Amino acid sequence: MSNRPARHPPVLIIEDTVSLRLVYRAVAMAAGHPVAVAGSAAEGLAQFHATAPSIVLLDVVLPDGDGLTLMRAMLAERPETRVIVLTAHGSVSRAIEAMRAGAQDFLVKPVDEVRLTSALTNAANGPRRAAVAPANPQDNPFIGSSEVMQRIHAKIDSVAKSMATVFITGESGTGKELAALAVHAPPPRATGPLLALN
């Protein structure tokens, strides 16, 4: 860990490419995070136990193991850990697998400084993202019975019955994610995953 005083949550970087590890370390330290680094899954797990980081920046391809397997092991031990997954090829299937398993975010290499800093800030300040579980069709995230809310309920019920793509827009804080949960809750959508990406 860095000897600098901790102004932000500690970060563990697990990346086997030395040059990338150095870049990520510099960006995280510039953002005020104390940093530990590892170049393999075994070293990463040892550092995870030794440093108890709040945030882990994790490459999915490591020389001695699969990054997602390592992530599952870390989250089983400390579920509050925020894991940001790095993938070299932008594989959608790997990103979805990571998000289902409880990753906070995923970044496609090469990662620019602004995007990495933003991901670290979001991980440090945002709510912990839980692993995706199937939605309960009985869950209704909305409350209210005004005329406006009745129209919203009717619209959600209408689009939820179709398998068409739904695009939800609105100001920050107006309930877009609640609307997405409500659209996803009834079958047949509920049988698939719901991934909330910021």
Protein backbone atom coordinates (compact mmCIF):
# COMPACT_ATOMS: atom_id res chain seq x y z
CA MET A 1 0.00 0.00 0.00
CA SER A 2 1.09 3.57 -0.52
CA ASN A 3 2.40 5.48 2.52
CA ARG A 4 0.23 8.47 1.59
CA PRO A 5 -2.68 9.16 3.96
CA ALA A 6 -5.90 7.55 2.76
CA ARG A 7 -8.20 10.24 1.37
CA HIS A 8 -10.16 7.75 -0.69
CA PRO A 9 -10.87 4.02 -0.38
CA PRO A 10 -7.89 1.71 -0.96
CA VAL A 11 -7.59 0.10 -4.39
CA LEU A 12 -6.06 -3.23 -5.39
CA ILE A 13 -4.98 -3.47 -9.03
CA ILE A 14 -4.64 -7.01 -10.42
CA GLU A 15 -3.16 -6.77 -13.92
CA ASP A 16 -0.43 -8.95 -15.44
CA THR A 17 0.85 -6.39 -17.98
CA VAL A 18 3.46 -4.33 -16.13
CA SER A 19 3.03 -1.17 -18.21
CA LEU A 20 -0.74 -1.15 -17.71
CA ARG A 21 -0.34 -1.86 -14.01
CA LEU A 22 1.91 1.20 -13.70
CA VAL A 23 -0.54 3.42 -15.60
CA TYR A 24 -3.55 2.28 -13.56
CA ARG A 25 -1.57 2.74 -10.34
CA ALA A 26 -0.59 6.30 -11.31
CA VAL A 27 -4.19 7.21 -12.18
CA ALA A 28 -5.59 5.75 -8.95
CA MET A 29 -2.93 7.46 -6.82
CA ALA A 30 -3.52 10.78 -8.60
CA ALA A 31 -7.19 10.42 -7.66
CA GLY A 32 -6.16 10.06 -4.01
CA HIS A 33 -6.42 6.30 -3.51
CA PRO A 34 -3.84 4.27 -1.62
CA VAL A 35 -2.88 1.47 -4.03
CA ALA A 36 -1.62 -2.12 -3.89
CA VAL A 37 -0.74 -4.05 -7.05
CA ALA A 38 -0.52 -7.67 -8.16
CA GLY A 39 0.43 -9.38 -11.41
CA SER A 40 -1.33 -12.73 -11.02
CA ALA A 41 -4.42 -14.32 -9.48
CA ALA A 42 -2.41 -15.89 -6.64
CA GLU A 43 -0.62 -12.63 -5.84
CA GLY A 44 -3.91 -10.76 -6.16
CA LEU A 45 -5.64 -13.00 -3.64
CA ALA A 46 -2.70 -12.65 -1.23
CA GLN A 47 -2.83 -8.84 -1.56
CA PHE A 48 -6.61 -8.92 -1.14
CA HIS A 49 -6.15 -10.67 2.22
CA ALA A 50 -3.22 -8.46 3.26
CA THR A 51 -4.65 -5.05 2.32
CA ALA A 52 -8.47 -5.47 2.52
CA PRO A 53 -9.14 -3.06 -0.38
CA SER A 54 -12.52 -1.40 -0.87
CA ILE A 55 -12.11 -1.42 -4.66
CA VAL A 56 -10.46 -4.03 -6.90
CA LEU A 57 -9.45 -3.26 -10.50
CA LEU A 58 -9.28 -6.76 -12.02
CA ASP A 59 -8.13 -8.06 -15.39
CA VAL A 60 -10.27 -11.02 -16.52
CA VAL A 61 -7.32 -12.82 -18.15
CA LEU A 62 -4.49 -13.60 -15.75
CA PRO A 63 -1.49 -15.90 -16.32
CA ASP A 64 -2.46 -18.32 -13.55
CA GLY A 65 -6.24 -18.21 -13.55
CA ASP A 66 -9.51 -16.66 -14.62
CA GLY A 67 -10.22 -13.20 -13.25
CA LEU A 68 -13.95 -13.85 -12.83
CA THR A 69 -13.23 -16.94 -10.73
CA LEU A 70 -10.98 -14.78 -8.56
CA MET A 71 -13.68 -12.10 -8.34
CA ARG A 72 -16.24 -14.64 -7.13
CA ALA A 73 -13.83 -15.85 -4.44
CA MET A 74 -13.15 -12.28 -3.26
CA LEU A 75 -16.84 -11.36 -3.19
CA ALA A 76 -17.66 -14.55 -1.29
CA GLU A 77 -15.22 -13.42 1.41
CA ARG A 78 -16.03 -9.70 1.37
CA PRO A 79 -19.30 -8.99 -0.49
CA GLU A 80 -18.97 -5.23 0.09
CA THR A 81 -15.89 -5.07 -2.19
CA ARG A 82 -16.45 -3.09 -5.40
CA VAL A 83 -14.86 -4.91 -8.35
CA ILE A 84 -14.18 -3.12 -11.64
CA VAL A 85 -13.45 -5.68 -14.34
CA LEU A 86 -11.02 -5.01 -17.20
CA THR A 87 -11.46 -6.82 -20.52
CA ALA A 88 -9.13 -6.53 -23.50
CA HIS A 89 -11.48 -7.41 -26.28
CA GLY A 90 -14.71 -5.79 -25.22
CA SER A 91 -16.39 -9.17 -25.04
CA VAL A 92 -20.04 -8.52 -24.32
CA SER A 93 -20.55 -12.05 -23.00
CA ARG A 94 -17.65 -11.68 -20.53
CA ALA A 95 -18.93 -8.28 -19.43
CA ILE A 96 -22.43 -9.68 -18.85
CA GLU A 97 -20.98 -12.66 -16.97
CA ALA A 98 -18.97 -10.26 -14.78
CA MET A 99 -21.98 -8.05 -14.04
CA ARG A 100 -24.13 -11.09 -13.22
CA ALA A 101 -21.46 -12.29 -10.81
CA GLY A 102 -21.47 -8.97 -8.94
CA ALA A 103 -18.94 -6.69 -10.67
CA GLN A 104 -19.52 -3.01 -9.99
CA ASP A 105 -18.43 -1.94 -13.48
CA PHE A 106 -16.42 -3.12 -16.45
CA LEU A 107 -13.94 -1.27 -18.63
CA VAL A 108 -12.73 -2.14 -22.12
CA LYS A 109 -8.99 -1.83 -22.72
CA PRO A 110 -7.36 0.44 -23.58
CA VAL A 111 -8.82 2.46 -20.69
CA ASP A 112 -8.30 6.21 -20.78
CA GLU A 113 -7.51 8.17 -17.61
CA VAL A 114 -10.85 10.00 -17.50
CA ARG A 115 -12.89 6.79 -17.78
CA LEU A 116 -10.79 5.00 -15.16
CA THR A 117 -10.99 7.92 -12.74
CA SER A 118 -14.76 8.09 -13.25
CA ALA A 119 -15.13 4.34 -12.61
CA LEU A 120 -13.07 4.60 -9.40
CA THR A 121 -15.13 7.59 -8.23
CA ASN A 122 -18.40 5.78 -8.95
CA ALA A 123 -17.17 2.67 -7.13
CA ALA A 124 -16.06 4.74 -4.14
CA ASN A 125 -19.23 6.81 -3.85
CA GLY A 126 -22.03 4.77 -5.36
CA PRO A 127 -24.12 2.03 -3.81
CA ARG A 128 -22.69 -1.47 -3.87
CA ARG A 129 -24.02 -3.36 -6.88
CA ALA A 130 -25.35 -6.78 -5.99
CA ALA A 131 -25.14 -9.84 -8.20
CA VAL A 132 -28.09 -10.08 -10.58
CA ALA A 133 -30.93 -12.26 -9.39
CA PRO A 134 -34.14 -13.09 -11.26
CA ALA A 135 -36.82 -10.49 -10.70
CA ASN A 136 -39.83 -11.36 -8.58
CA PRO A 137 -42.96 -10.74 -10.67
CA GLN A 138 -44.84 -9.74 -7.51
CA ASP A 139 -42.42 -6.88 -6.82
CA ASN A 140 -43.78 -3.45 -7.68
CA PRO A 141 -41.25 -0.70 -7.11
CA PHE A 142 -43.76 2.12 -7.59
CA ILE A 143 -46.13 3.63 -5.10
CA GLY A 144 -48.85 6.18 -5.75
CA SER A 145 -52.27 6.18 -7.36
CA SER A 146 -52.59 9.66 -8.89
CA GLU A 147 -53.79 10.04 -12.47
CA VAL A 148 -50.20 10.53 -13.66
CA MET A 149 -49.04 7.38 -11.84
CA GLN A 150 -51.96 5.42 -13.29
CA ARG A 151 -50.83 6.44 -16.79
CA ILE A 152 -47.27 5.37 -15.95
CA HIS A 153 -48.53 2.00 -14.63
CA ALA A 154 -50.59 1.49 -17.80
CA LYS A 155 -47.63 2.30 -20.06
CA ILE A 156 -45.33 -0.04 -18.12
CA ASP A 157 -47.91 -2.85 -18.19
CA SER A 158 -48.29 -2.35 -21.94
CA VAL A 159 -44.59 -2.49 -22.83
CA ALA A 160 -43.78 -5.20 -20.28
CA LYS A 161 -45.99 -7.67 -22.16
CA SER A 162 -43.92 -7.32 -25.33
CA MET A 163 -40.34 -8.40 -25.95
CA ALA A 164 -39.54 -5.19 -27.82
CA THR A 165 -36.56 -3.12 -26.75
CA VAL A 166 -37.60 -0.36 -24.36
CA PHE A 167 -35.73 2.94 -24.10
CA ILE A 168 -36.45 4.89 -20.91
CA THR A 169 -35.46 8.56 -20.71
CA GLY A 170 -35.84 11.26 -18.11
CA GLU A 171 -34.09 13.61 -15.74
CA SER A 172 -31.78 12.24 -13.09
CA GLY A 173 -33.74 11.02 -10.07
CA THR A 174 -37.11 10.62 -11.81
CA GLY A 175 -37.25 6.83 -11.43
CA LYS A 176 -35.87 5.45 -14.71
CA GLU A 177 -34.34 2.45 -12.94
CA LEU A 178 -37.60 1.79 -11.06
CA ALA A 179 -39.43 1.87 -14.39
CA ALA A 180 -36.90 -0.58 -15.85
CA LEU A 181 -37.40 -2.91 -12.88
CA ALA A 182 -41.16 -2.75 -13.32
CA VAL A 183 -40.90 -3.47 -17.06
CA HIS A 184 -38.58 -6.40 -16.35
CA ALA A 185 -40.59 -7.94 -13.50
CA PRO A 186 -43.38 -9.84 -15.31
CA PRO A 187 -42.77 -12.91 -17.50
CA PRO A 188 -41.36 -13.50 -20.04
CA ARG A 189 -38.73 -10.78 -19.35
CA ALA A 190 -38.26 -11.84 -15.72
CA THR A 191 -36.63 -15.09 -16.81
CA GLY A 192 -33.62 -13.15 -18.17
CA PRO A 193 -31.04 -11.02 -16.38
CA LEU A 194 -31.50 -7.34 -15.63
CA LEU A 195 -28.19 -5.48 -15.78
CA ALA A 196 -28.10 -1.93 -14.42
CA LEU A 197 -25.22 -0.08 -16.09
CA ASN A 198 -24.33 3.50 -15.24
